C-alpha atoms as a PDB file:
ATOM      1  CA  MET A   1      36.378  10.337 -14.181  1.00  0.00           C
ATOM      2  CA  LYS A   2      34.161   7.263 -13.823  1.00  0.00           C
ATOM      3  CA  MET A   3      32.330   8.923 -10.935  1.00  0.00           C
ATOM      4  CA  ILE A   4      31.692  12.077 -13.001  1.00  0.00           C
ATOM      5  CA  THR A   5      30.380   9.932 -15.860  1.00  0.00           C
ATOM      6  CA  LEU A   6      28.092   8.086 -13.435  1.00  0.00           C
ATOM      7  CA  ILE A   7      26.722  11.313 -11.964  1.00  0.00           C
ATOM      8  CA  VAL A   8      26.062  12.772 -15.416  1.00  0.00           C
ATOM      9  CA  SER A   9      24.331   9.556 -16.473  1.00  0.00           C
ATOM     10  CA  ILE A  10      22.104   9.618 -13.414  1.00  0.00           C
ATOM     11  CA  ILE A  11      21.169  13.259 -14.009  1.00  0.00           C
ATOM     12  CA  LEU A  12      20.335  12.579 -17.668  1.00  0.00           C
ATOM     13  CA  PHE A  13      18.422   9.426 -16.739  1.00  0.00           C
ATOM     14  CA  THR A  14      16.347  10.979 -13.990  1.00  0.00           C
ATOM     15  CA  GLY A  15      15.641  14.078 -16.047  1.00  0.00           C
ATOM     16  CA  CYS A  16      13.358  11.956 -18.178  1.00  0.00           C
ATOM     17  CA  PHE A  17      11.223  11.100 -15.151  1.00  0.00           C
ATOM     18  CA  TYR A  18      10.326  14.559 -13.860  1.00  0.00           C
ATOM     19  CA  GLU A  19       6.643  15.340 -14.247  1.00  0.00           C
ATOM     20  CA  SER A  20       3.693  16.654 -12.292  1.00  0.00           C
ATOM     21  CA  SER A  21       1.353  13.904 -11.145  1.00  0.00           C
ATOM     22  CA  THR A  22      -1.723  16.155 -11.064  1.00  0.00           C
ATOM     23  CA  GLY A  23      -3.379  19.105 -12.686  1.00  0.00           C
ATOM     24  CA  VAL A  24      -2.837  22.466 -11.007  1.00  0.00           C
ATOM     25  CA  GLY A  25      -6.419  23.100  -9.847  1.00  0.00           C
ATOM     26  CA  SER A  26      -7.498  26.492  -8.537  1.00  0.00           C
ATOM     27  CA  VAL A  27      -4.771  26.375  -5.874  1.00  0.00           C
ATOM     28  CA  GLY A  28      -2.011  26.193  -8.483  1.00  0.00           C
ATOM     29  CA  VAL A  29      -0.001  23.105  -7.490  1.00  0.00           C
ATOM     30  CA  GLU A  30       2.364  22.408 -10.374  1.00  0.00           C
ATOM     31  CA  ARG A  31       5.743  21.313  -8.947  1.00  0.00           C
ATOM     32  CA  LYS A  32       7.585  18.751 -11.069  1.00  0.00           C
ATOM     33  CA  GLN A  33       8.299  15.469  -9.299  1.00  0.00           C
ATOM     34  CA  LEU A  34      10.835  12.693  -9.691  1.00  0.00           C
ATOM     35  CA  LEU A  35       8.709   9.615 -10.428  1.00  0.00           C
ATOM     36  CA  LEU A  36      10.934   6.659 -11.247  1.00  0.00           C
ATOM     37  CA  VAL A  37       8.852   3.938  -9.626  1.00  0.00           C
ATOM     38  CA  SER A  38       5.719   2.894 -11.495  1.00  0.00           C
ATOM     39  CA  SER A  39       2.248   3.645 -10.141  1.00  0.00           C
ATOM     40  CA  ASP A  40       1.271   0.016 -10.710  1.00  0.00           C
ATOM     41  CA  ILE A  41       3.949  -1.218  -8.340  1.00  0.00           C
ATOM     42  CA  MET A  42       2.965   1.333  -5.686  1.00  0.00           C
ATOM     43  CA  ASN A  43      -0.713   0.436  -5.964  1.00  0.00           C
ATOM     44  CA  GLU A  44      -0.009  -3.294  -5.870  1.00  0.00           C
ATOM     45  CA  GLY A  45       1.998  -2.893  -2.696  1.00  0.00           C
ATOM     46  CA  ALA A  46      -0.663  -0.642  -1.166  1.00  0.00           C
ATOM     47  CA  VAL A  47      -3.442  -3.187  -1.703  1.00  0.00           C
ATOM     48  CA  SER A  48      -1.401  -5.881   0.002  1.00  0.00           C
ATOM     49  CA  ALA A  49      -0.278  -3.641   2.868  1.00  0.00           C
ATOM     50  CA  TYR A  50      -3.776  -2.291   3.452  1.00  0.00           C
ATOM     51  CA  SER A  51      -5.244  -5.790   3.591  1.00  0.00           C
ATOM     52  CA  LYS A  52      -2.687  -6.817   6.194  1.00  0.00           C
ATOM     53  CA  ILE A  53      -3.415  -3.768   8.368  1.00  0.00           C
ATOM     54  CA  LEU A  54      -7.176  -4.352   8.219  1.00  0.00           C
ATOM     55  CA  GLU A  55      -6.796  -8.052   8.930  1.00  0.00           C
ATOM     56  CA  GLU A  56      -4.664  -7.335  11.986  1.00  0.00           C
ATOM     57  CA  ALA A  57      -7.205  -4.793  13.223  1.00  0.00           C
ATOM     58  CA  LYS A  58     -10.011  -7.290  12.656  1.00  0.00           C
ATOM     59  CA  LYS A  59      -8.191  -9.918  14.723  1.00  0.00           C
ATOM     60  CA  LYS A  60      -7.934  -7.402  17.571  1.00  0.00           C
ATOM     61  CA  ASN A  61     -11.631  -6.553  17.183  1.00  0.00           C
ATOM     62  CA  ILE A  62     -10.900  -2.873  16.597  1.00  0.00           C
ATOM     63  CA  LEU A  63     -11.975  -2.612  12.940  1.00  0.00           C
ATOM     64  CA  ASN A  64     -15.105  -0.626  12.051  1.00  0.00           C
ATOM     65  CA  ILE A  65     -16.705  -1.013  15.477  1.00  0.00           C
ATOM     66  CA  ASP A  66     -18.379   2.412  15.457  1.00  0.00           C
ATOM     67  CA  LYS A  67     -20.831   1.977  12.584  1.00  0.00           C
ATOM     68  CA  LYS A  68     -22.184   5.524  12.863  1.00  0.00           C
ATOM     69  CA  GLN A  69     -18.749   7.104  12.505  1.00  0.00           C
ATOM     70  CA  LEU A  70     -17.838   4.669   9.731  1.00  0.00           C
ATOM     71  CA  SER A  71     -20.932   5.664   7.754  1.00  0.00           C
ATOM     72  CA  ARG A  72     -20.059   9.315   8.312  1.00  0.00           C
ATOM     73  CA  LEU A  73     -16.559   8.773   6.926  1.00  0.00           C
ATOM     74  CA  ARG A  74     -17.790   6.905   3.877  1.00  0.00           C
ATOM     75  CA  VAL A  75     -20.331   9.573   2.963  1.00  0.00           C
ATOM     76  CA  ILE A  76     -17.636  12.239   3.173  1.00  0.00           C
ATOM     77  CA  LEU A  77     -15.251  10.127   1.096  1.00  0.00           C
ATOM     78  CA  SER A  78     -17.838   9.624  -1.649  1.00  0.00           C
ATOM     79  CA  LYS A  79     -18.317  13.387  -1.949  1.00  0.00           C
ATOM     80  CA  LEU A  80     -14.603  14.158  -2.001  1.00  0.00           C
ATOM     81  CA  VAL A  81     -13.794  11.444  -4.551  1.00  0.00           C
ATOM     82  CA  LYS A  82     -16.241  12.989  -7.025  1.00  0.00           C
ATOM     83  CA  GLN A  83     -14.033  16.112  -7.042  1.00  0.00           C
ATOM     84  CA  THR A  84     -10.703  14.366  -7.648  1.00  0.00           C
ATOM     85  CA  TYR A  85     -11.141  14.663 -11.426  1.00  0.00           C
ATOM     86  CA  VAL A  86     -10.045  18.305 -11.131  1.00  0.00           C
ATOM     87  CA  PHE A  87      -6.534  17.104 -10.338  1.00  0.00           C
ATOM     88  CA  ARG A  88      -6.468  13.773 -12.176  1.00  0.00           C
ATOM     89  CA  LYS A  89      -9.278  12.137 -14.123  1.00  0.00           C
ATOM     90  CA  ASP A  90      -8.062   8.580 -13.561  1.00  0.00           C
ATOM     91  CA  ALA A  91      -8.615   8.951  -9.798  1.00  0.00           C
ATOM     92  CA  LEU A  92     -12.372   8.618 -10.304  1.00  0.00           C
ATOM     93  CA  ASN A  93     -11.745   4.974 -11.197  1.00  0.00           C
ATOM     94  CA  TRP A  94      -9.503   4.166  -8.231  1.00  0.00           C
ATOM     95  CA  LYS A  95     -10.847   1.640  -5.731  1.00  0.00           C
ATOM     96  CA  TRP A  96     -11.292   4.148  -2.929  1.00  0.00           C
ATOM     97  CA  GLU A  97     -11.895   2.810   0.541  1.00  0.00           C
ATOM     98  CA  VAL A  98     -11.994   4.161   4.088  1.00  0.00           C
ATOM     99  CA  ASN A  99     -12.027   2.126   7.293  1.00  0.00           C
ATOM    100  CA  LEU A 100     -12.087   3.089  10.950  1.00  0.00           C
ATOM    101  CA  ILE A 101      -9.726   1.623  13.550  1.00  0.00           C
ATOM    102  CA  THR A 102     -10.523   2.020  17.238  1.00  0.00           C
ATOM    103  CA  SER A 103      -7.370   3.464  18.742  1.00  0.00           C
ATOM    104  CA  ASP A 104      -6.222   6.454  20.771  1.00  0.00           C
ATOM    105  CA  ASP A 105      -3.810   7.325  17.939  1.00  0.00           C
ATOM    106  CA  ILE A 106      -4.450  10.826  16.642  1.00  0.00           C
ATOM    107  CA  ASN A 107      -3.857   9.921  13.060  1.00  0.00           C
ATOM    108  CA  ALA A 108      -5.267   9.305   9.589  1.00  0.00           C
ATOM    109  CA  TRP A 109      -3.582   8.320   6.343  1.00  0.00           C
ATOM    110  CA  CYS A 110      -4.160   7.418   2.711  1.00  0.00           C
ATOM    111  CA  MET A 111      -2.070   4.879   0.823  1.00  0.00           C
ATOM    112  CA  PRO A 112      -1.419   4.983  -2.935  1.00  0.00           C
ATOM    113  CA  GLY A 113      -4.530   4.209  -4.918  1.00  0.00           C
ATOM    114  CA  GLY A 114      -6.939   5.586  -2.318  1.00  0.00           C
ATOM    115  CA  LYS A 115      -6.745   3.225   0.681  1.00  0.00           C
ATOM    116  CA  ILE A 116      -7.656   5.310   3.755  1.00  0.00           C
ATOM    117  CA  VAL A 117      -7.681   4.688   7.501  1.00  0.00           C
ATOM    118  CA  PHE A 118      -8.978   6.981  10.221  1.00  0.00           C
ATOM    119  CA  TYR A 119      -8.326   6.284  13.882  1.00  0.00           C
ATOM    120  CA  THR A 120     -11.075   7.041  16.401  1.00  0.00           C
ATOM    121  CA  GLY A 121      -8.552   9.016  18.448  1.00  0.00           C
ATOM    122  CA  ILE A 122      -8.333  11.860  15.963  1.00  0.00           C
ATOM    123  CA  ILE A 123     -12.111  12.139  15.669  1.00  0.00           C
ATOM    124  CA  ASP A 124     -12.822  11.924  19.395  1.00  0.00           C
ATOM    125  CA  GLU A 125      -9.909  13.934  20.787  1.00  0.00           C
ATOM    126  CA  LEU A 126     -10.438  16.834  18.392  1.00  0.00           C
ATOM    127  CA  GLU A 127     -14.242  16.519  18.423  1.00  0.00           C
ATOM    128  CA  LEU A 128     -14.231  16.810  14.649  1.00  0.00           C
ATOM    129  CA  THR A 129     -17.174  18.213  12.726  1.00  0.00           C
ATOM    130  CA  GLU A 130     -18.019  16.830   9.277  1.00  0.00           C
ATOM    131  CA  ASP A 131     -16.292  19.823   7.677  1.00  0.00           C
ATOM    132  CA  GLU A 132     -13.157  19.137   9.730  1.00  0.00           C
ATOM    133  CA  ILE A 133     -13.169  15.439   8.870  1.00  0.00           C
ATOM    134  CA  ALA A 134     -13.457  16.454   5.210  1.00  0.00           C
ATOM    135  CA  ALA A 135     -10.477  18.780   5.657  1.00  0.00           C
ATOM    136  CA  ILE A 136      -8.303  15.994   7.059  1.00  0.00           C
ATOM    137  CA  MET A 137      -9.528  13.424   4.568  1.00  0.00           C
ATOM    138  CA  GLY A 138      -9.028  15.844   1.676  1.00  0.00           C
ATOM    139  CA  HIS A 139      -5.465  16.416   2.835  1.00  0.00           C
ATOM    140  CA  GLU A 140      -4.777  12.665   2.951  1.00  0.00           C
ATOM    141  CA  ILE A 141      -6.432  12.101  -0.429  1.00  0.00           C
ATOM    142  CA  ALA A 142      -4.177  14.807  -1.841  1.00  0.00           C
ATOM    143  CA  HIS A 143      -1.097  12.801  -0.809  1.00  0.00           C
ATOM    144  CA  ALA A 144      -2.402   9.929  -2.934  1.00  0.00           C
ATOM    145  CA  LEU A 145      -3.333  12.143  -5.880  1.00  0.00           C
ATOM    146  CA  ARG A 146       0.119  13.748  -5.859  1.00  0.00           C
ATOM    147  CA  GLU A 147       1.720  10.294  -5.444  1.00  0.00           C
ATOM    148  CA  HIS A 148       3.964  11.540  -2.671  1.00  0.00           C
ATOM    149  CA  ALA A 149       4.839   8.004  -1.551  1.00  0.00           C
ATOM    150  CA  ARG A 150       5.901   7.186  -5.103  1.00  0.00           C
ATOM    151  CA  GLU A 151       7.956  10.367  -5.180  1.00  0.00           C
ATOM    152  CA  ARG A 152       9.705   9.543  -1.889  1.00  0.00           C
ATOM    153  CA  SER A 153      10.450   6.038  -3.155  1.00  0.00           C
ATOM    154  CA  SER A 154      11.963   7.449  -6.323  1.00  0.00           C
ATOM    155  CA  GLN A 155      14.095   9.914  -4.385  1.00  0.00           C
ATOM    156  CA  GLY A 156      15.276   7.136  -2.089  1.00  0.00           C
ATOM    157  CA  MET A 157      16.459   5.105  -5.047  1.00  0.00           C
ATOM    158  CA  LEU A 158      19.026   7.836  -5.731  1.00  0.00           C
ATOM    159  CA  THR A 159      19.892   9.272  -2.339  1.00  0.00           C
ATOM    160  CA  GLN A 160      20.385   5.875  -0.695  1.00  0.00           C
ATOM    161  CA  GLY A 161      22.187   4.343  -3.631  1.00  0.00           C
ATOM    162  CA  ALA A 162      19.751   1.429  -3.653  1.00  0.00           C
ATOM    163  CA  PHE A 163      20.598   0.288  -7.164  1.00  0.00           C
ATOM    164  CA  GLY A 164      19.528  -3.329  -6.605  1.00  0.00           C
ATOM    165  CA  LEU A 165      16.159  -2.150  -5.293  1.00  0.00           C
ATOM    166  CA  SER A 166      15.964   0.402  -8.075  1.00  0.00           C
ATOM    167  CA  ALA A 167      16.406  -2.255 -10.718  1.00  0.00           C
ATOM    168  CA  GLN A 168      13.701  -4.410  -9.208  1.00  0.00           C
ATOM    169  CA  LEU A 169      11.214  -1.564  -8.839  1.00  0.00           C
ATOM    170  CA  LEU A 170      11.860  -0.453 -12.401  1.00  0.00           C
ATOM    171  CA  GLY A 171      11.163  -3.983 -13.602  1.00  0.00           C
ATOM    172  CA  ILE A 172      14.766  -4.947 -14.351  1.00  0.00           C
ATOM    173  CA  GLY A 173      15.544  -8.484 -13.206  1.00  0.00           C
ATOM    174  CA  SER A 174      13.605 -10.598 -10.743  1.00  0.00           C
ATOM    175  CA  THR A 175      11.391  -8.901  -8.176  1.00  0.00           C
ATOM    176  CA  THR A 176      12.079 -10.037  -4.624  1.00  0.00           C
ATOM    177  CA  VAL A 177      11.007  -6.906  -2.760  1.00  0.00           C
ATOM    178  CA  ASP A 178       8.318  -7.295  -0.077  1.00  0.00           C
ATOM    179  CA  LEU A 179       6.027  -4.705  -1.648  1.00  0.00           C
ATOM    180  CA  ALA A 180       3.562  -4.611   1.216  1.00  0.00           C
ATOM    181  CA  SER A 181       6.226  -3.773   3.816  1.00  0.00           C
ATOM    182  CA  TRP A 182       7.958  -1.386   1.466  1.00  0.00           C
ATOM    183  CA  VAL A 183       4.793   0.602   0.651  1.00  0.00           C
ATOM    184  CA  THR A 184       3.752   0.653   4.318  1.00  0.00           C
ATOM    185  CA  ASN A 185       7.121   2.203   5.099  1.00  0.00           C
ATOM    186  CA  VAL A 186       7.071   4.919   2.441  1.00  0.00           C
ATOM    187  CA  ALA A 187       3.334   5.667   2.624  1.00  0.00           C
ATOM    188  CA  ILE A 188       2.795   5.660   6.388  1.00  0.00           C
ATOM    189  CA  LEU A 189       6.008   5.459   8.388  1.00  0.00           C
ATOM    190  CA  LEU A 190       8.360   7.742   6.465  1.00  0.00           C
ATOM    191  CA  PRO A 191       7.561  11.460   6.745  1.00  0.00           C
ATOM    192  CA  ASN A 192       6.360  13.651   3.918  1.00  0.00           C
ATOM    193  CA  ASN A 193       8.541  16.684   3.424  1.00  0.00           C
ATOM    194  CA  ARG A 194       7.171  20.180   3.923  1.00  0.00           C
ATOM    195  CA  PHE A 195       6.644  20.775   0.224  1.00  0.00           C
ATOM    196  CA  GLN A 196       4.459  17.682   0.082  1.00  0.00           C
ATOM    197  CA  GLU A 197       2.537  18.639   3.199  1.00  0.00           C
ATOM    198  CA  THR A 198       1.850  22.134   1.876  1.00  0.00           C
ATOM    199  CA  GLU A 199       0.706  20.766  -1.478  1.00  0.00           C
ATOM    200  CA  SER A 200      -1.682  18.399   0.282  1.00  0.00           C
ATOM    201  CA  ASP A 201      -3.021  21.199   2.459  1.00  0.00           C
ATOM    202  CA  ARG A 202      -3.797  23.332  -0.578  1.00  0.00           C
ATOM    203  CA  ILE A 203      -5.299  20.535  -2.667  1.00  0.00           C
ATOM    204  CA  GLY A 204      -7.244  19.361   0.368  1.00  0.00           C
ATOM    205  CA  VAL A 205      -8.999  22.691   0.898  1.00  0.00           C
ATOM    206  CA  GLU A 206      -9.968  22.777  -2.771  1.00  0.00           C
ATOM    207  CA  LEU A 207     -11.362  19.231  -2.703  1.00  0.00           C
ATOM    208  CA  SER A 208     -13.412  19.947   0.406  1.00  0.00           C
ATOM    209  CA  ALA A 209     -14.705  23.252  -0.973  1.00  0.00           C
ATOM    210  CA  ARG A 210     -15.751  21.642  -4.249  1.00  0.00           C
ATOM    211  CA  ALA A 211     -17.484  18.857  -2.296  1.00  0.00           C
ATOM    212  CA  GLY A 212     -19.537  21.382  -0.330  1.00  0.00           C
ATOM    213  CA  TYR A 213     -17.511  21.429   2.886  1.00  0.00           C
ATOM    214  CA  ASN A 214     -16.356  24.711   4.367  1.00  0.00           C
ATOM    215  CA  PRO A 215     -12.628  25.103   3.555  1.00  0.00           C
ATOM    216  CA  ASP A 216     -12.197  27.231   6.681  1.00  0.00           C
ATOM    217  CA  ALA A 217     -12.519  23.968   8.613  1.00  0.00           C
ATOM    218  CA  ALA A 218      -8.914  23.179   7.689  1.00  0.00           C
ATOM    219  CA  VAL A 219      -7.886  26.245   9.668  1.00  0.00           C
ATOM    220  CA  SER A 220      -9.946  25.216  12.681  1.00  0.00           C
ATOM    221  CA  VAL A 221      -8.458  21.697  12.569  1.00  0.00           C
ATOM    222  CA  TRP A 222      -4.935  23.014  12.786  1.00  0.00           C
ATOM    223  CA  LYS A 223      -5.796  25.454  15.524  1.00  0.00           C
ATOM    224  CA  LYS A 224      -7.055  22.452  17.485  1.00  0.00           C
ATOM    225  CA  MET A 225      -3.870  20.575  16.590  1.00  0.00           C
ATOM    226  CA  LYS A 226      -1.791  23.475  17.831  1.00  0.00           C
ATOM    227  CA  LYS A 227      -3.516  23.426  21.224  1.00  0.00           C
ATOM    228  CA  LEU A 228      -3.124  19.672  21.433  1.00  0.00           C
ATOM    229  CA  SER A 229       0.548  19.717  20.541  1.00  0.00           C
ATOM    230  CA  ASP A 230       1.256  22.151  23.370  1.00  0.00           C
ATOM    231  CA  LYS A 231       0.224  19.368  25.748  1.00  0.00           C
ATOM    232  CA  ASN A 232       1.439  16.189  24.068  1.00  0.00           C
ATOM    233  CA  PRO A 233       2.538  16.294  20.418  1.00  0.00           C
ATOM    234  CA  PRO A 234       0.865  13.419  18.535  1.00  0.00           C
ATOM    235  CA  GLU A 235       2.721  11.410  15.913  1.00  0.00           C
ATOM    236  CA  PHE A 236       0.457  12.941  13.267  1.00  0.00           C
ATOM    237  CA  LEU A 237       2.214  16.290  13.733  1.00  0.00           C
ATOM    238  CA  SER A 238       5.815  15.145  13.856  1.00  0.00           C
ATOM    239  CA  THR A 239       6.708  15.908  10.235  1.00  0.00           C
ATOM    240  CA  HIS A 240       4.336  18.743   9.443  1.00  0.00           C
ATOM    241  CA  PRO A 241       5.160  22.428   8.939  1.00  0.00           C
ATOM    242  CA  SER A 242       5.054  24.754  11.933  1.00  0.00           C
ATOM    243  CA  HIS A 243       1.528  25.459  13.140  1.00  0.00           C
ATOM    244  CA  ASP A 244       1.577  29.205  12.574  1.00  0.00           C
ATOM    245  CA  ASN A 245       2.967  28.906   9.049  1.00  0.00           C
ATOM    246  CA  ARG A 246       0.495  26.190   8.223  1.00  0.00           C
ATOM    247  CA  ILE A 247      -2.492  28.083   9.594  1.00  0.00           C
ATOM    248  CA  ASN A 248      -1.506  31.240   7.695  1.00  0.00           C
ATOM    249  CA  ASP A 249      -1.136  29.308   4.440  1.00  0.00           C
ATOM    250  CA  LEU A 250      -4.444  27.502   4.949  1.00  0.00           C
ATOM    251  CA  GLN A 251      -6.219  30.784   5.611  1.00  0.00           C
ATOM    252  CA  THR A 252      -4.871  32.162   2.341  1.00  0.00           C
ATOM    253  CA  TYR A 253      -5.885  29.145   0.267  1.00  0.00           C
ATOM    254  CA  ALA A 254      -9.212  28.587   2.005  1.00  0.00           C
ATOM    255  CA  LYS A 255     -10.087  32.136   1.003  1.00  0.00           C
ATOM    256  CA  ARG A 256      -8.960  31.445  -2.552  1.00  0.00           C
ATOM    257  CA  VAL A 257     -11.387  28.516  -2.949  1.00  0.00           C
ATOM    258  CA  LYS A 258     -14.251  29.895  -0.853  1.00  0.00           C
ATOM    259  CA  HIS A 259     -16.210  30.764  -3.991  1.00  0.00           C
ATOM    260  CA  LEU A 260     -16.226  27.074  -4.960  1.00  0.00           C
ATOM    261  CA  TYR A 261     -17.803  26.218  -1.625  1.00  0.00           C
ATOM    262  CA  LYS A 262     -20.389  28.981  -1.894  1.00  0.00           C
ATOM    263  CA  THR A 263     -21.295  27.929  -5.433  1.00  0.00           C
ATOM    264  CA  LYS A 264     -21.751  24.340  -4.319  1.00  0.00           C
ATOM    265  CA  LYS A 265     -23.910  25.315  -1.367  1.00  0.00           C
ATOM    266  CA  GLU A 266     -26.070  27.627  -3.459  1.00  0.00           C
ATOM    267  CA  LYS A 267     -26.614  24.908  -6.067  1.00  0.00           C
ATOM    268  CA  TYR A 268     -27.244  21.923  -3.811  1.00  0.00           C
ATOM    269  CA  GLY A 269     -27.932  23.353  -0.358  1.00  0.00           C
ATOM    270  CA  THR A 270     -26.673  21.607   2.764  1.00  0.00           C
ATOM    271  CA  ASN A 271     -24.776  18.306   2.664  1.00  0.00           C
END
């Protein structure tokens, strides 16, 4: 009986925390999410974790070595950030940042609050165009906009029975959690589920289209990824949907937002 009461209490409690972290946009993302952990805690941990990662890279002399590529990334980021208001207006005021780490890793990620890292491996191995970089960056930005790391943390509080951690993250009692390590784990190391990946794909193509980048580039990126994975699957692909399903979905949604890209190009011309 006590167990039933506990389960009912948890269901009633968590029901108050289901919401959608973003607007729906033209791509229609409107899934409700369990968001128990506060955004402030996630962002605080992200700032600390990001600083540690950059400091370690700096010590190894692998941080922002390629100034030309770094400038390229930052120009693309500035254009994409201007479009984030479509999904959430507060994102325009986030302290967005992108840095480049010299590494063979075929990877890129965005922490809560807009802290982004690209590895030279993904740019060089895939020979990415600006449109393709925008596609990948838009996808990673979408994870932050949708607060997927916050969502995974909230789900973990229930599924893992981490009540002590839950209390601390909800602000009950003293906080002894290593936020930097915790956010690094949920934002970078733990996988997004397929719903989250698909949402980020769809939001990403809309962001890039609105910023004046061809949304079809998302399709070309994943065709390149598919060829690469046939040889040696990179870590970047380990938790993503199957290539064929992903490519088909991207083709559908790239077509849906193509008019946004054409309107942008007609109004402002080339990037």
